[in-house]
Protein backbone atom coordinates (compact mmCIF):
# COMPACT_ATOMS: atom_id res chain seq x y z
CA MET A 1 22.90 -6.34 24.10
CA SER A 2 23.21 -4.92 20.58
CA THR A 3 20.34 -3.29 18.71
CA LEU A 4 19.54 -3.14 15.02
CA LEU A 5 21.14 0.29 14.92
CA ASP A 6 24.51 -1.19 15.94
CA LEU A 7 24.67 -3.45 12.87
CA ARG A 8 26.65 -2.21 9.87
CA GLN A 9 25.68 -2.49 6.22
CA GLY A 10 25.69 -6.15 5.20
CA ASP A 11 25.65 -7.43 8.80
CA SER A 12 23.02 -9.89 9.99
CA GLY A 13 21.63 -10.63 13.40
CA THR A 14 18.92 -12.62 15.16
CA ILE A 15 16.15 -10.73 16.93
CA THR A 16 16.10 -11.40 20.66
CA LYS A 17 13.66 -8.76 21.90
CA VAL A 18 11.32 -6.07 20.59
CA LYS A 19 10.84 -3.16 22.96
CA GLY A 20 8.39 -0.28 22.76
CA ARG A 21 4.66 -0.09 23.32
CA GLY A 22 1.30 0.31 21.67
CA ALA A 23 0.80 0.67 17.92
CA PHE A 24 4.52 0.68 17.11
CA ARG A 25 5.17 -2.62 18.86
CA LYS A 26 2.12 -4.27 17.39
CA ARG A 27 2.91 -3.07 13.88
CA ILE A 28 6.58 -3.99 13.96
CA THR A 29 5.87 -7.53 15.13
CA GLU A 30 3.21 -8.01 12.46
CA MET A 31 5.83 -7.06 9.88
CA GLY A 32 7.95 -9.99 10.98
CA PHE A 33 10.23 -8.48 13.63
CA VAL A 34 9.69 -11.28 16.13
CA LYS A 35 12.05 -13.23 18.34
CA GLY A 36 14.25 -15.72 16.48
CA LYS A 37 14.00 -14.13 13.02
CA SER A 38 17.13 -13.20 11.07
CA VAL A 39 17.45 -9.59 9.86
CA THR A 40 20.08 -8.11 7.53
CA VAL A 41 21.12 -4.49 7.06
CA ILE A 42 20.85 -3.54 3.38
CA LYS A 43 21.75 0.15 3.36
CA ALA A 44 21.08 3.51 4.93
CA ALA A 45 19.52 6.49 3.18
CA PRO A 46 21.92 9.24 1.97
CA LEU A 47 21.31 11.11 5.24
CA GLN A 48 21.77 7.86 7.24
CA ASP A 49 18.12 7.79 8.25
CA PRO A 50 16.02 5.71 7.63
CA ILE A 51 17.82 2.36 7.28
CA GLU A 52 16.70 -0.45 4.99
CA TYR A 53 16.58 -3.99 6.40
CA LYS A 54 15.75 -7.39 4.93
CA ILE A 55 13.56 -9.77 6.91
CA LEU A 56 11.42 -12.71 5.81
CA GLY A 57 12.58 -12.16 2.23
CA TYR A 58 11.33 -8.59 1.86
CA HIS A 59 12.74 -5.12 2.50
CA VAL A 60 11.49 -2.67 5.11
CA SER A 61 12.78 0.72 6.22
CA LEU A 62 13.04 1.75 9.87
CA ARG A 63 14.10 5.03 11.37
CA GLN A 64 17.06 5.03 13.75
CA SER A 65 14.76 5.67 16.70
CA GLU A 66 12.76 2.56 15.79
CA ALA A 67 15.84 0.38 15.14
CA ARG A 68 17.10 1.16 18.67
CA LEU A 69 14.05 -0.61 20.11
CA ILE A 70 14.90 -3.97 18.50
CA GLU A 71 17.60 -5.99 20.23
CA VAL A 72 19.59 -8.51 18.20
CA PHE A 73 22.29 -11.11 18.72
CA SER A 74 24.81 -10.98 15.89
CA GLY A 75 26.86 -14.01 16.91
CA PHE A 76 24.88 -16.35 14.66
CA GLU A 77 22.00 -16.40 12.23
CA THR A 78 19.00 -18.64 12.46
CA ASP A 79 15.74 -18.69 10.62
CA ASP A 80 14.43 -22.03 11.78
CA GLU A 81 12.22 -23.10 14.63
CA SER A 82 15.06 -23.26 17.14
CA GLY A 83 14.68 -19.60 17.90
CA SER A 84 11.14 -19.16 16.79
CA PRO A 85 7.91 -19.07 18.76
CA LEU A 86 7.36 -22.77 18.03
CA ALA A 87 9.53 -23.76 20.97
CA ILE A 88 7.75 -21.29 23.24
CA TYR A 89 4.15 -22.21 22.52
CA ASN A 90 4.39 -25.94 21.88
CA TYR A 91 2.91 -25.26 18.48
CA SER A 92 0.52 -27.94 17.26
CA GLY A 93 -0.74 -26.73 13.90
CA THR A 94 -4.47 -26.40 13.31
CA PHE A 95 -7.65 -28.12 14.36
CA VAL A 96 -10.80 -28.62 12.30
CA GLU A 97 -14.47 -28.07 12.94
CA GLU A 98 -16.10 -30.25 10.31
CA SER A 99 -19.56 -29.36 11.59
CA GLN A 100 -19.17 -25.90 10.14
CA LYS A 101 -19.01 -27.17 6.57
CA ASN A 102 -22.69 -27.19 5.66
CA PRO A 103 -23.27 -27.06 1.91
CA ILE A 104 -26.04 -24.83 0.64
CA ILE A 105 -28.41 -26.82 -1.53
CA GLU A 106 -29.33 -24.17 -4.09
CA LYS A 107 -27.18 -21.25 -5.16
CA GLY A 108 -27.34 -18.54 -7.79
CA LYS A 109 -24.96 -18.04 -10.67
CA VAL A 110 -23.52 -14.76 -9.38
CA ILE A 111 -20.40 -14.95 -7.20
CA ASP A 112 -19.13 -11.94 -5.24
CA ILE A 113 -15.34 -11.96 -5.01
CA ALA A 114 -13.04 -9.69 -2.97
CA LEU A 115 -9.34 -9.50 -3.87
CA VAL A 116 -7.16 -9.10 -0.78
CA GLY A 117 -3.37 -9.02 -0.55
CA ASN A 118 -0.23 -7.16 0.45
CA PRO A 119 0.75 -4.04 -1.51
CA ASN A 120 2.68 -4.89 -4.70
CA CYS A 121 1.59 -8.54 -4.70
CA GLY A 122 0.15 -8.17 -8.21
CA LYS A 123 -3.45 -7.97 -7.03
CA THR A 124 -4.51 -5.06 -9.23
CA THR A 125 -2.68 -6.54 -12.23
CA LEU A 126 -4.62 -9.77 -11.76
CA PHE A 127 -7.82 -7.74 -11.42
CA ASN A 128 -7.11 -5.85 -14.65
CA TYR A 129 -6.32 -8.97 -16.63
CA ALA A 130 -9.30 -10.94 -15.39
CA SER A 131 -11.89 -8.20 -15.75
CA GLY A 132 -10.52 -6.31 -18.74
CA SER A 133 -10.31 -3.15 -16.65
CA HIS A 134 -7.37 -0.81 -16.81
CA GLU A 135 -6.82 0.35 -13.26
CA ARG A 136 -3.55 2.17 -12.65
CA VAL A 137 -0.83 -0.08 -11.25
CA GLY A 138 1.83 1.63 -9.14
CA ASN A 139 4.97 0.45 -7.44
CA PHE A 140 4.70 2.04 -4.04
CA SER A 141 2.69 0.97 -1.05
CA GLY A 142 -0.99 1.91 -0.97
CA VAL A 143 -1.48 2.80 -4.62
CA THR A 144 -5.02 1.31 -4.47
CA VAL A 145 -6.68 3.69 -2.03
CA ASP A 146 -10.25 2.68 -2.75
CA SER A 147 -12.07 -0.41 -3.95
CA LYS A 148 -12.46 -1.03 -7.69
CA GLU A 149 -15.29 -3.14 -9.04
CA ALA A 150 -15.70 -5.10 -12.26
CA ARG A 151 -17.80 -7.91 -13.68
CA PHE A 152 -16.40 -11.03 -15.31
CA LYS A 153 -18.08 -14.12 -16.82
CA HIS A 154 -16.61 -17.60 -16.65
CA ALA A 155 -18.13 -21.05 -17.20
CA GLY A 156 -21.69 -19.77 -16.98
CA TYR A 157 -21.10 -17.84 -13.76
CA THR A 158 -20.88 -14.08 -13.28
CA PHE A 159 -18.14 -12.86 -10.98
CA ASN A 160 -18.53 -9.49 -9.27
CA ILE A 161 -14.88 -8.70 -8.48
CA THR A 162 -13.85 -6.05 -5.95
CA ASP A 163 -10.20 -5.04 -5.81
CA LEU A 164 -9.58 -3.89 -2.25
CA PRO A 165 -6.67 -1.70 -1.09
CA GLY A 166 -3.34 -3.39 -0.42
CA ALA A 167 -2.96 -4.32 3.24
CA TYR A 168 -0.23 -6.11 5.19
CA SER A 169 -2.67 -7.25 7.85
CA LEU A 170 -6.25 -6.76 9.05
CA THR A 171 -5.26 -4.78 12.12
CA ALA A 172 -6.98 -1.41 12.47
CA TYR A 173 -3.67 0.39 11.94
CA SER A 174 -4.18 2.23 8.65
CA PRO A 175 -7.28 3.35 6.72
CA GLU A 176 -6.56 0.74 4.04
CA GLU A 177 -6.48 -2.14 6.50
CA LEU A 178 -9.60 -0.97 8.32
CA PHE A 179 -11.37 -0.52 4.96
CA VAL A 180 -10.51 -4.08 3.90
CA ARG A 181 -11.68 -5.56 7.17
CA ARG A 182 -14.95 -3.64 7.21
CA HIS A 183 -15.66 -4.51 3.59
CA ILE A 184 -15.29 -8.23 4.34
CA ILE A 185 -17.48 -7.95 7.45
CA ASP A 186 -20.16 -5.63 6.02
CA LYS A 187 -20.36 -6.78 2.38
CA VAL A 188 -19.82 -10.48 3.18
CA PRO A 189 -18.32 -11.57 -0.19
CA ASP A 190 -18.95 -15.16 -1.17
CA ILE A 191 -15.21 -15.85 -1.43
CA VAL A 192 -12.11 -13.83 -0.59
CA VAL A 193 -9.22 -14.34 -3.02
CA ASN A 194 -6.01 -13.87 -1.09
CA VAL A 195 -3.34 -12.86 -3.63
CA ILE A 196 0.07 -13.95 -2.33
CA ASP A 197 3.43 -12.81 -3.64
CA ALA A 198 5.23 -16.14 -4.12
CA SER A 199 8.63 -14.50 -3.58
CA ASN A 200 7.66 -13.40 -0.04
CA LEU A 201 5.67 -16.33 1.26
CA GLU A 202 6.31 -15.98 4.99
CA ARG A 203 5.41 -12.29 5.05
CA ASN A 204 2.34 -12.63 2.81
CA LEU A 205 0.95 -15.63 4.68
CA TYR A 206 0.54 -13.52 7.81
CA LEU A 207 -2.50 -11.90 6.20
CA THR A 208 -3.72 -15.38 5.26
CA THR A 209 -3.70 -16.47 8.90
CA GLN A 210 -5.88 -13.50 9.80
CA LEU A 211 -8.36 -14.40 7.05
CA ILE A 212 -8.46 -17.94 8.46
CA ASP A 213 -9.29 -16.47 11.89
CA MET A 214 -12.22 -14.59 10.33
CA ASP A 215 -13.86 -17.93 9.47
CA ILE A 216 -14.63 -17.02 5.86
CA ARG A 217 -14.17 -18.89 2.59
CA VAL A 218 -10.76 -18.12 1.13
CA VAL A 219 -8.92 -19.16 -2.03
CA ALA A 220 -5.23 -18.27 -2.33
CA ALA A 221 -3.70 -17.16 -5.64
CA LEU A 222 0.04 -17.85 -5.51
CA ASN A 223 0.95 -14.98 -7.81
CA MET A 224 4.22 -14.20 -9.64
CA TYR A 225 4.79 -17.94 -9.74
CA ASP A 226 7.07 -17.68 -12.79
CA GLU A 227 9.60 -15.60 -10.86
CA PHE A 228 9.33 -18.03 -7.96
CA ILE A 229 10.19 -21.02 -10.19
CA ARG A 230 12.89 -19.13 -12.09
CA GLN A 231 14.74 -18.59 -8.82
CA GLY A 232 14.84 -22.37 -8.28
CA ASN A 233 12.33 -22.52 -5.41
CA GLN A 234 9.97 -25.44 -4.95
CA ILE A 235 6.69 -25.69 -3.09
CA ASN A 236 3.99 -28.29 -2.82
CA HIS A 237 1.08 -25.88 -3.08
CA ASN A 238 -1.50 -28.68 -2.82
CA ASP A 239 -0.14 -29.80 0.56
CA LEU A 240 0.08 -26.18 1.69
CA GLY A 241 -3.59 -25.75 0.78
CA LYS A 242 -4.53 -28.83 2.79
CA LEU A 243 -2.67 -27.49 5.83
CA LEU A 244 -4.38 -24.11 5.56
CA GLY A 245 -7.77 -25.52 4.65
CA ILE A 246 -7.91 -23.30 1.56
CA PRO A 247 -7.09 -24.07 -2.10
CA VAL A 248 -3.80 -22.60 -3.36
CA ILE A 249 -3.58 -21.97 -7.12
CA PRO A 250 -0.37 -20.77 -8.84
CA THR A 251 -0.96 -17.74 -11.08
CA ILE A 252 0.98 -15.31 -13.24
CA GLY A 253 -1.30 -12.27 -13.20
CA SER A 254 0.69 -10.20 -15.70
CA ARG A 255 0.25 -12.88 -18.38
CA GLY A 256 -3.10 -14.26 -17.30
CA GLU A 257 -1.69 -17.75 -16.69
CA GLY A 258 -3.53 -19.81 -14.10
CA LEU A 259 -6.55 -17.50 -14.02
CA ASN A 260 -8.86 -20.02 -15.69
CA ASP A 261 -7.85 -22.58 -13.06
CA LEU A 262 -8.39 -19.95 -10.35
CA PHE A 263 -11.93 -19.06 -11.44
CA THR A 264 -12.84 -22.70 -12.02
CA ARG A 265 -11.67 -23.45 -8.49
CA LEU A 266 -13.69 -20.52 -7.18
CA ILE A 267 -16.80 -22.10 -8.66
CA GLU A 268 -15.96 -25.40 -6.95
CA VAL A 269 -15.53 -23.62 -3.62
CA TYR A 270 -18.72 -21.63 -4.11
CA GLU A 271 -20.68 -24.81 -4.82
CA ASP A 272 -19.08 -26.57 -1.81
CA ARG A 273 -17.52 -29.22 -4.04
CA ASP A 274 -13.85 -28.52 -3.26
CA PRO A 275 -12.38 -31.25 -1.05
CA VAL A 276 -9.53 -29.00 0.19
CA VAL A 277 -11.80 -26.47 1.89
CA ARG A 278 -12.00 -27.11 5.62
CA HIS A 279 -13.00 -25.00 8.58
CA VAL A 280 -9.66 -24.86 10.38
CA HIS A 281 -8.48 -22.90 13.39
CA ILE A 282 -4.88 -21.97 13.99
CA ASN A 283 -3.89 -23.63 17.25
CA TYR A 284 -2.44 -20.84 19.42
CA ALA A 285 -1.34 -23.38 22.07
CA GLN A 286 -2.91 -24.31 25.37
CA GLU A 287 -2.88 -21.07 27.37
CA LEU A 288 -3.94 -18.78 24.52
CA GLU A 289 -6.63 -21.24 23.41
CA ARG A 290 -7.96 -21.31 26.97
CA SER A 291 -8.25 -17.52 26.97
CA ILE A 292 -9.90 -17.52 23.53
CA LEU A 293 -12.55 -20.01 24.68
CA ASN A 294 -13.27 -18.10 27.90
CA ILE A 295 -13.82 -14.86 25.96
CA GLN A 296 -15.99 -16.74 23.44
CA ASP A 297 -18.25 -17.89 26.28
CA ALA A 298 -18.83 -14.23 27.21
CA ILE A 299 -19.43 -13.18 23.59
CA TRP A 300 -22.02 -15.94 23.08
CA LEU A 301 -24.19 -14.23 25.69
CA ASP A 302 -25.07 -11.72 22.95
CA LYS A 303 -26.40 -13.82 20.06
CA SER A 304 -26.54 -10.84 17.68
CA LEU A 305 -22.77 -10.31 17.74
CA THR A 306 -21.99 -13.44 15.76
CA ASP A 307 -24.37 -12.77 12.87
CA ARG A 308 -21.48 -11.51 10.72
CA ILE A 309 -18.34 -12.00 12.79
CA SER A 310 -17.03 -15.24 14.27
CA SER A 311 -16.92 -15.36 18.06
CA ARG A 312 -13.39 -16.75 17.82
CA TYR A 313 -12.32 -13.77 15.71
CA TYR A 314 -13.84 -11.43 18.32
CA SER A 315 -11.90 -13.22 21.04
CA ILE A 316 -8.57 -13.06 19.22
CA LYS A 317 -9.01 -9.38 18.41
CA LEU A 318 -9.86 -8.59 22.03
CA LEU A 319 -6.64 -10.33 23.09
CA GLU A 320 -4.86 -8.18 20.51
CA LYS A 321 -6.48 -5.07 22.09
CA ASP A 322 -8.00 -4.03 18.78
CA GLU A 323 -9.61 -0.62 19.32
CA ASP A 324 -12.07 -0.93 16.44
CA ILE A 325 -13.43 -4.24 17.74
CA VAL A 326 -13.63 -2.84 21.26
CA ALA A 327 -15.63 0.13 19.93
CA SER A 328 -17.99 -2.19 18.04
CA LEU A 329 -18.80 -4.04 21.29
CA ASN A 330 -19.72 -0.88 23.20
CA SER A 331 -23.34 -1.16 22.04
CA SER A 332 -23.71 -4.72 23.34
CA PRO A 333 -25.84 -5.10 26.50
CA PHE A 334 -23.24 -7.62 27.72
CA ARG A 335 -20.24 -5.36 27.08
CA SER A 336 -19.27 -5.10 30.76
CA THR A 337 -19.11 -8.90 31.06
CA ILE A 338 -17.19 -9.28 27.80
CA PHE A 339 -14.66 -6.57 28.68
CA HIS A 340 -14.25 -7.93 32.22
CA VAL A 341 -13.43 -11.41 30.92
CA SER A 342 -11.11 -10.14 28.17
CA ASP A 343 -9.23 -7.85 30.57
CA TYR A 344 -8.80 -10.71 33.01
CA GLU A 345 -7.52 -13.06 30.29
CA ILE A 346 -5.12 -10.43 28.93
CA HIS A 347 -3.72 -9.90 32.42
CA ARG A 348 -3.43 -13.66 33.02
CA ILE A 349 -1.66 -14.29 29.71
CA GLU A 350 0.73 -11.36 30.07
CA SER A 351 1.57 -12.36 33.63
CA THR A 352 2.22 -15.96 32.59
CA PHE A 353 4.50 -15.21 29.65
CA ASN A 354 5.75 -11.76 30.71
CA GLU A 355 4.92 -10.54 27.22
CA ASP A 356 2.24 -8.43 25.54
CA SER A 357 -0.78 -10.53 24.54
CA ALA A 358 -0.92 -9.07 21.01
CA THR A 359 2.76 -9.95 20.51
CA LEU A 360 2.12 -13.50 21.70
CA ILE A 361 -0.58 -13.99 19.08
CA THR A 362 1.62 -12.48 16.38
CA ASP A 363 4.49 -14.77 17.38
CA ALA A 364 2.17 -17.78 17.31
CA ARG A 365 0.97 -16.89 13.81
CA TYR A 366 4.52 -16.70 12.51
CA GLY A 367 5.22 -19.96 14.28
CA PHE A 368 2.32 -21.55 12.43
CA ILE A 369 3.57 -20.13 9.13
CA ALA A 370 7.10 -21.40 9.77
CA GLY A 371 5.77 -24.87 10.53
CA ALA A 372 3.54 -24.98 7.43
CA LEU A 373 6.35 -23.82 5.13
CA LYS A 374 8.82 -26.26 6.65
CA GLU A 375 6.57 -29.11 5.52
CA THR A 376 5.80 -27.79 2.02
CA TYR A 377 8.44 -25.25 0.91
CA ASN A 378 11.94 -25.94 -0.36
CA PRO A 379 13.67 -22.59 -1.00
CA VAL A 380 16.74 -22.38 -3.21
CA LYS A 381 19.97 -22.02 -1.23
CA ASN A 382 22.54 -20.05 -3.17
CA GLU A 383 26.04 -19.80 -1.79
CA ILE A 384 26.36 -16.34 -3.28
CA ALA A 385 23.16 -14.37 -3.34
CA LYS A 386 22.70 -12.59 -6.64
CA LYS A 387 21.40 -9.08 -6.64
CA SER A 388 18.09 -8.61 -8.37
CA ARG A 389 17.66 -5.93 -11.02
CA SER A 390 15.68 -3.84 -8.52
CA GLU A 391 18.50 -4.06 -5.96
CA LYS A 392 21.06 -3.01 -8.57
CA ILE A 393 18.93 0.01 -9.44
CA ASP A 394 18.53 0.78 -5.73
CA SER A 395 22.30 0.80 -5.23
CA ILE A 396 22.50 3.73 -7.65
CA LEU A 397 19.30 5.70 -7.02
CA THR A 398 19.58 5.57 -3.22
CA ASN A 399 23.36 5.82 -3.05
CA ARG A 400 24.79 8.04 -0.29
CA ILE A 401 26.61 10.22 -2.82
CA LEU A 402 24.48 9.91 -5.97
CA GLY A 403 21.01 9.73 -4.37
CA PHE A 404 20.29 13.43 -3.94
CA PRO A 405 22.07 14.68 -7.12
CA LEU A 406 20.06 12.19 -9.21
CA PHE A 407 16.90 13.20 -7.40
CA ILE A 408 17.51 16.90 -8.03
CA LEU A 409 18.47 16.16 -11.66
CA PHE A 410 15.24 14.27 -12.23
CA LEU A 411 13.17 17.09 -10.77
CA TRP A 412 15.02 19.63 -12.94
CA VAL A 413 14.44 17.53 -16.06
CA MET A 414 10.78 17.15 -15.11
CA PHE A 415 10.11 20.86 -14.70
CA GLN A 416 12.35 21.95 -17.59
CA ALA A 417 10.57 19.53 -19.92
CA THR A 418 7.22 20.70 -18.58
CA PHE A 419 7.91 24.27 -19.70
CA THR A 420 9.94 23.51 -22.83
CA PHE A 421 7.64 20.93 -24.42
CA GLY A 422 4.55 22.66 -23.06
CA ALA A 423 5.45 25.88 -24.86
CA TYR A 424 4.38 24.61 -28.27
CA PRO A 425 0.81 23.55 -27.43
CA GLN A 426 0.55 26.65 -25.24
CA ASN A 427 1.28 28.81 -28.28
CA TRP A 428 -1.27 26.91 -30.36
CA ILE A 429 -3.95 27.24 -27.68
CA ASP A 430 -3.14 30.92 -27.21
CA MET A 431 -3.34 31.62 -30.95
CA GLY A 432 -6.57 29.62 -31.18
CA VAL A 433 -8.15 31.56 -28.34
CA ALA A 434 -6.99 34.85 -29.88
CA TRP A 435 -8.44 33.89 -33.30
CA ILE A 436 -11.79 32.94 -31.76
CA GLY A 437 -11.81 36.14 -29.72
CA ASN A 438 -10.98 38.34 -32.73
CA HIS A 439 -13.57 36.59 -34.90
CA ALA A 440 -16.26 36.96 -32.23
CA SER A 441 -15.28 40.58 -31.70
CA SER A 442 -15.65 41.36 -35.42
CA VAL A 443 -19.04 39.68 -35.65
CA LEU A 444 -20.74 40.80 -32.45
CA PRO A 445 -21.99 44.37 -32.06
CA ALA A 446 -20.47 46.51 -29.33
CA GLY A 447 -22.12 46.23 -25.98
CA PRO A 448 -22.15 44.31 -22.69
CA VAL A 449 -22.96 40.98 -24.40
CA LYS A 450 -19.85 41.29 -26.58
CA ASP A 451 -17.69 42.20 -23.56
CA LEU A 452 -19.09 39.23 -21.62
CA LEU A 453 -18.46 36.72 -24.41
CA VAL A 454 -15.12 38.00 -25.70
CA GLU A 455 -13.38 39.37 -22.64
CA GLY A 456 -15.11 37.26 -20.01
CA ILE A 457 -15.79 33.83 -21.44
CA ILE A 458 -13.40 33.37 -24.40
CA HIS A 459 -10.31 35.08 -22.98
CA GLY A 460 -11.19 33.96 -19.43
CA VAL A 461 -11.41 30.30 -20.39
CA GLY A 462 -8.38 30.68 -22.65
CA SER A 463 -6.27 32.03 -19.80
CA ILE A 464 -7.00 28.81 -17.89
CA ILE A 465 -6.76 26.09 -20.55
CA VAL A 466 -3.45 27.50 -21.80
CA PHE A 467 -1.82 25.78 -18.82
CA LEU A 468 -3.36 22.40 -19.58
CA PRO A 469 -0.25 21.17 -21.48
CA ASN A 470 1.95 21.99 -18.49
CA ILE A 471 -0.32 20.10 -16.16
CA LEU A 472 -0.53 17.05 -18.44
CA ILE A 473 3.24 16.87 -18.89
CA LEU A 474 3.83 17.27 -15.16
CA PHE A 475 1.38 14.48 -14.36
CA PHE A 476 3.03 12.30 -17.00
CA PHE A 477 6.35 12.60 -15.17
CA ILE A 478 4.71 11.97 -11.81
CA SER A 479 3.04 8.84 -13.22
CA LEU A 480 6.41 7.78 -14.63
CA MET A 481 7.93 8.13 -11.16
CA GLU A 482 5.14 6.04 -9.66
CA ASP A 483 5.09 3.26 -12.24
CA SER A 484 8.88 2.93 -12.38
CA GLY A 485 9.13 2.66 -8.60
CA TYR A 486 11.22 5.81 -8.25
CA MET A 487 8.54 7.47 -6.11
CA ALA A 488 9.09 4.87 -3.37
CA ARG A 489 12.86 5.40 -3.57
CA ALA A 490 12.38 9.16 -3.39
CA ALA A 491 10.30 8.71 -0.24
CA PHE A 492 13.14 6.64 1.24
CA ILE A 493 15.87 9.24 0.65
CA MET A 494 13.59 12.13 1.65
CA ASP A 495 12.42 10.62 4.95
CA LYS A 496 14.96 12.33 7.21
CA LEU A 497 14.33 15.77 5.71
CA MET A 498 10.56 15.29 5.90
CA HIS A 499 10.95 14.08 9.48
CA LYS A 500 12.46 17.47 10.37
CA ILE A 501 9.00 19.00 9.89
CA GLY A 502 7.26 16.07 11.55
CA LEU A 503 6.33 14.16 8.40
CA HIS A 504 7.02 10.71 6.99
CA GLY A 505 9.05 10.29 3.80
CA GLN A 506 5.86 9.16 2.06
CA SER A 507 4.49 12.68 2.54
CA PHE A 508 6.81 13.65 -0.28
CA ILE A 509 4.50 11.86 -2.74
CA PRO A 510 1.44 14.10 -2.25
CA LEU A 511 3.65 17.17 -1.82
CA ILE A 512 5.37 16.66 -5.18
CA MET A 513 1.96 16.07 -6.76
CA GLY A 514 1.02 19.47 -5.38
CA PHE A 515 3.16 20.99 -8.12
CA GLY A 516 0.56 19.76 -10.59
CA CYS A 517 -2.60 20.45 -8.61
CA ASN A 518 -3.28 20.73 -4.90
CA VAL A 519 -6.69 19.05 -5.08
CA PRO A 520 -5.59 15.53 -6.19
CA ALA A 521 -2.45 15.96 -4.08
CA ILE A 522 -4.56 16.40 -0.96
CA MET A 523 -6.65 13.37 -1.98
CA VAL A 524 -3.47 11.28 -2.24
CA THR A 525 -2.74 11.93 1.46
CA ARG A 526 -5.16 9.06 2.14
CA THR A 527 -2.24 6.72 1.44
CA LEU A 528 -0.44 7.98 4.57
CA LYS A 529 -0.99 5.62 7.49
CA ASP A 530 -0.67 8.09 10.34
CA ARG A 531 -3.54 10.51 10.91
CA ASN A 532 -1.25 13.32 12.06
CA ASP A 533 0.90 12.90 8.94
CA ARG A 534 -2.19 13.13 6.77
CA LEU A 535 -3.47 16.29 8.43
CA LEU A 536 -0.10 18.05 8.42
CA THR A 537 0.53 17.12 4.78
CA MET A 538 -2.89 18.45 3.80
CA LEU A 539 -2.20 21.73 5.59
CA ILE A 540 1.22 22.14 3.94
CA ASN A 541 0.09 21.17 0.44
CA PRO A 542 -1.57 24.50 -0.42
CA PHE A 543 1.87 26.11 -0.06
CA MET A 544 3.23 23.97 -2.90
CA SER A 545 3.55 25.75 -6.23
CA CYS A 546 0.64 24.33 -8.16
CA SER A 547 -0.07 25.15 -11.80
CA ALA A 548 -2.38 28.03 -10.87
CA ARG A 549 0.70 29.97 -9.78
CA LEU A 550 2.50 29.52 -13.11
CA PRO A 551 1.44 32.92 -14.54
CA VAL A 552 3.19 34.70 -11.67
CA TYR A 553 6.40 32.69 -12.13
CA ILE A 554 6.45 33.18 -15.90
CA LEU A 555 5.85 36.89 -15.45
CA ILE A 556 8.75 37.25 -13.03
CA ALA A 557 11.04 34.97 -15.04
CA GLY A 558 10.60 36.91 -18.27
CA ALA A 559 11.08 40.26 -16.57
CA VAL A 560 13.89 39.55 -14.09
CA PHE A 561 15.79 36.74 -15.83
CA PRO A 562 15.44 37.47 -19.56
CA LYS A 563 18.75 35.83 -20.51
CA HIS A 564 18.29 32.68 -18.41
CA ALA A 565 14.55 32.21 -18.61
CA GLY A 566 15.01 28.56 -19.68
CA SER A 567 16.03 27.57 -16.17
CA ILE A 568 13.28 29.68 -14.59
CA CYS A 569 10.49 29.38 -17.12
CA ASP A 570 10.36 28.85 -20.85
CA GLY A 571 11.77 31.95 -22.56
CA THR A 572 9.54 31.62 -25.60
CA SER A 573 6.31 30.84 -23.80
CA PRO A 574 3.73 33.66 -23.87
CA LEU A 575 1.53 34.37 -20.93
CA PRO A 576 -2.13 33.60 -21.39
CA TYR A 577 -2.69 37.35 -21.08
CA ALA A 578 -0.33 38.19 -23.95
CA ASN A 579 -3.16 38.78 -26.40
CA THR A 580 -5.64 40.31 -24.01
CA PRO A 581 -6.20 44.05 -23.91
CA GLY A 582 -3.73 45.85 -21.68
CA TYR A 583 -0.98 43.24 -22.03
CA ARG A 584 1.50 42.72 -24.83
CA ASN A 585 4.78 40.92 -25.42
CA ALA A 586 4.67 39.28 -22.00
CA CYS A 587 7.61 36.87 -21.61
CA VAL A 588 8.00 36.58 -25.39
CA GLY A 589 11.61 36.06 -26.39
CA LYS A 590 14.73 37.06 -24.54
CA GLY A 591 14.77 40.50 -23.05
CA ALA A 592 11.11 41.16 -23.79
CA ALA A 593 9.61 43.92 -21.71
CA ILE A 594 6.39 43.51 -19.82
CA SER A 595 4.14 46.46 -20.27
CA GLN A 596 0.65 47.42 -19.45
């Protein structure tokens, strides 16, 4: 049987089996690598590792070692229910518990909203437009590493909006996902707004199914709807909302279109006046539903457990072997009974289907999504798929031959511009500090106070702020890399080299930021999903050449490379010590001597 690694660029295949264990297997299936799904090889990185694949309408990169664990059949392609989990689980949609819909008679005028969605779904853009905030919007996964809060008024109601980190699912796999889940459980927002990228419906709706399992009030914002329509796609979003039991409102976050409808609908949901809202459960088929109910019976023994979390959600997460949920149940006096029942049901299910219980639930969710979209979604079918602008850019920036030269060129331009353009404000700052120091020296009488102010404070502070222009320019280029999406592409082409020292390609992002300052660079390591990657990146980061080391480099460049200082440091840039006693003509002009 062939594996993903055996497919060549442009080839497609149908997934027949996903091997592996533990977190890898669970994560890879949640990302859509399930039996019956079609996957296409897009390209390999310049060093042939990792490899980019397309599945469920979005792109994902896998290392060669990971691709070997996914078996495919390349004789035909299918993306319908014939090879999907629908046939396996006798999928039967959802079922409703109308008794759970109990309207609250009297409510306040303040509505707490949490924005939840996949990375790059336009969530933060929608947040900025709605609230008037100006949070930074990046183009690589995990740019929102903490929650952002804002207040917004609409139709006499005050909305407290929290923009949560981007998350592909609510599994306790990464800090972002765990943060999102705990915020929903602990803060209990009135409504969760699930922002969905309309161009990747099947992938984005996986998170929606998990929100449905949490038994909370959800409203879906079908974002980037203009791009969806421009491609010729059609969807009956009202029928989709009825199937999911949650309202679905088309929005264009970048232009603010549909946001008035969204917030008006939120008020209707908050006041329990929306007819679409229903308490639905995804039907995981007979055997899984039997296990869920048996575990629920054990959980109901402890009445305090279901104060914030649905017993059904507990049951599903126990079948998924969620470590965070297991840990939260350790304090229950009925934990031994609960764990005994869940272990028995996991063993029974896995023995029956000869498959991991977490994978079975993931497959069933994708089966539900496939069934819902089949009834409501009519995608455009082009005979010849046109490359998007992003894909055309990718073909150049991640090219086998051009990828690394362009990457090195960009870094050279970044650092050369940092020193060249930074030289002018450095000179102005240096002259300003010297003028202030000379003026203070001429006014103050000789003594320790004069030495403290002139030599200690004025020249001391001046020697530090003289590098501020370099830092600002360097961070401008780093922000440009992030906002343009080049940072994600750089992580892709750097993955194999970073893997040589045991790191992920994404570790390149905080390491390159270390050239500006190690402190924010170490903070950025929170975006890395693996704990070992985070720790190792934090330990390596202090070895990156941050701006505090610039005086040493400029000193050496002016002394050792006087004729080619432009490629080493700026040949006309004075050291901050140039006007301090004991130093003169440091790195000033070509061939300048450094003396003391």
